[in-house]
Amino acid sequence: MPGMPAAIHAVEVVDLHGGSLRDHQSRQVSQRLLRQADWIITMTRDHLEAVVDHTPDCAERTRLLRADGIDLDDPVGGDRELYKRTAQAIEQGIDHLLNQILQ
């Protein structure tokens, strides 16, 4: 839902990594946002397919976060430890993607 704050565990875990989600508000994906993005990284294959179906010209810039092709589940509703594990998986996925992109 647009305008929603980040989950409290997400705020806490991002704080631990030196970032901040305190002023974050969710927003709905639009073609305009997708076309402005240099890269579009999704946590699930379903999201990747939805982006490509919605805005086909973004397909070349859209990637799944995990290198092994496995979906990374949204931790919403989970405990703080699940958010920590998800943050670690996101960090690993980003490191791998950066290495691919920068080669």
Protein backbone atom coordinates (compact mmCIF):
# COMPACT_ATOMS: atom_id res chain seq x y z
CA MET A 1 0.00 0.00 0.00
CA PRO A 2 1.39 3.40 -0.94
CA GLY A 3 2.53 5.61 1.94
CA MET A 4 3.24 2.83 4.43
CA PRO A 5 6.33 3.06 6.64
CA ALA A 6 8.98 0.32 6.68
CA ALA A 7 8.44 -2.54 9.13
CA ILE A 8 10.00 -1.86 12.53
CA HIS A 9 12.41 -4.82 12.19
CA ALA A 10 13.49 -3.51 8.77
CA VAL A 11 14.20 -0.10 10.31
CA GLU A 12 16.25 -1.70 13.11
CA VAL A 13 18.28 -3.95 10.81
CA VAL A 14 19.02 -1.19 8.28
CA ASP A 15 20.15 0.99 11.20
CA LEU A 16 22.63 -1.75 12.16
CA HIS A 17 24.05 -1.56 8.62
CA GLY A 18 24.47 2.22 8.78
CA GLY A 19 21.40 3.17 6.76
CA SER A 20 18.04 4.59 7.64
CA LEU A 21 14.48 3.73 6.71
CA ARG A 22 12.95 6.12 9.26
CA ASP A 23 11.45 8.39 6.59
CA HIS A 24 10.71 5.59 4.10
CA GLN A 25 7.25 5.32 2.59
CA SER A 26 6.16 2.59 0.21
CA ARG A 27 5.06 3.51 -3.27
CA GLN A 28 3.55 1.60 -6.13
CA VAL A 29 5.72 0.67 -9.08
CA SER A 30 4.89 2.54 -12.26
CA GLN A 31 6.19 2.50 -15.81
CA ARG A 32 7.71 5.94 -15.16
CA LEU A 33 9.69 4.67 -12.16
CA LEU A 34 10.80 1.54 -14.01
CA ARG A 35 11.96 3.51 -17.03
CA GLN A 36 13.96 5.89 -14.82
CA ALA A 37 15.85 3.05 -13.14
CA ASP A 38 19.32 2.05 -14.32
CA TRP A 39 18.78 -1.43 -12.88
CA ILE A 40 15.69 -3.19 -11.54
CA ILE A 41 16.45 -5.87 -8.97
CA THR A 42 13.65 -8.16 -7.78
CA MET A 43 13.55 -10.57 -4.86
CA THR A 44 11.29 -13.08 -6.63
CA ARG A 45 10.89 -14.49 -10.10
CA ASP A 46 7.18 -13.55 -10.00
CA HIS A 47 8.14 -9.90 -9.44
CA LEU A 48 10.70 -10.05 -12.24
CA GLU A 49 8.11 -11.46 -14.64
CA ALA A 50 5.56 -8.84 -13.54
CA VAL A 51 8.05 -6.02 -14.26
CA VAL A 52 8.88 -7.43 -17.69
CA ASP A 53 5.20 -8.02 -18.51
CA HIS A 54 4.30 -4.50 -17.35
CA THR A 55 7.20 -2.71 -19.03
CA PRO A 56 8.90 -4.99 -21.61
CA ASP A 57 11.51 -2.39 -22.58
CA CYS A 58 13.01 -2.78 -19.08
CA ALA A 59 13.74 -6.50 -19.49
CA GLU A 60 17.47 -6.06 -20.21
CA ARG A 61 17.90 -4.03 -17.00
CA THR A 62 15.91 -6.37 -14.76
CA ARG A 63 17.63 -9.02 -12.65
CA LEU A 64 16.73 -11.48 -9.92
CA LEU A 65 18.64 -10.69 -6.72
CA ARG A 66 19.88 -14.20 -5.99
CA ALA A 67 22.50 -15.61 -8.35
CA ASP A 68 21.18 -19.15 -7.86
CA GLY A 69 17.79 -18.11 -9.24
CA ILE A 70 15.96 -18.91 -6.01
CA ASP A 71 13.36 -16.46 -4.71
CA LEU A 72 14.18 -14.46 -1.61
CA ASP A 73 11.02 -14.38 0.48
CA ASP A 74 9.76 -11.11 1.92
CA PRO A 75 10.36 -11.21 5.69
CA VAL A 76 7.22 -9.18 6.48
CA GLY A 77 5.59 -10.50 9.63
CA GLY A 78 8.77 -12.29 10.69
CA ASP A 79 10.96 -11.67 13.71
CA ARG A 80 14.11 -9.55 13.85
CA GLU A 81 16.36 -12.55 13.16
CA LEU A 82 14.53 -13.26 9.91
CA TYR A 83 15.07 -9.64 8.88
CA LYS A 84 18.78 -9.98 9.71
CA ARG A 85 19.06 -13.13 7.58
CA THR A 86 17.18 -11.43 4.75
CA ALA A 87 19.48 -8.41 4.95
CA GLN A 88 22.50 -10.72 4.72
CA ALA A 89 21.02 -12.47 1.67
CA ILE A 90 20.27 -9.10 0.04
CA GLU A 91 23.84 -7.94 0.70
CA GLN A 92 25.25 -11.13 -0.84
CA GLY A 93 22.97 -10.79 -3.86
CA ILE A 94 23.95 -7.17 -4.39
CA ASP A 95 27.66 -8.01 -4.13
CA HIS A 96 27.25 -10.72 -6.77
CA LEU A 97 25.23 -8.46 -9.08
CA LEU A 98 27.72 -5.62 -8.75
CA ASN A 99 30.53 -7.97 -9.73
CA GLN A 100 28.55 -9.06 -12.82
CA ILE A 101 27.55 -5.54 -13.82
CA LEU A 102 31.03 -4.08 -13.35
CA GLN A 103 32.80 -6.75 -15.41
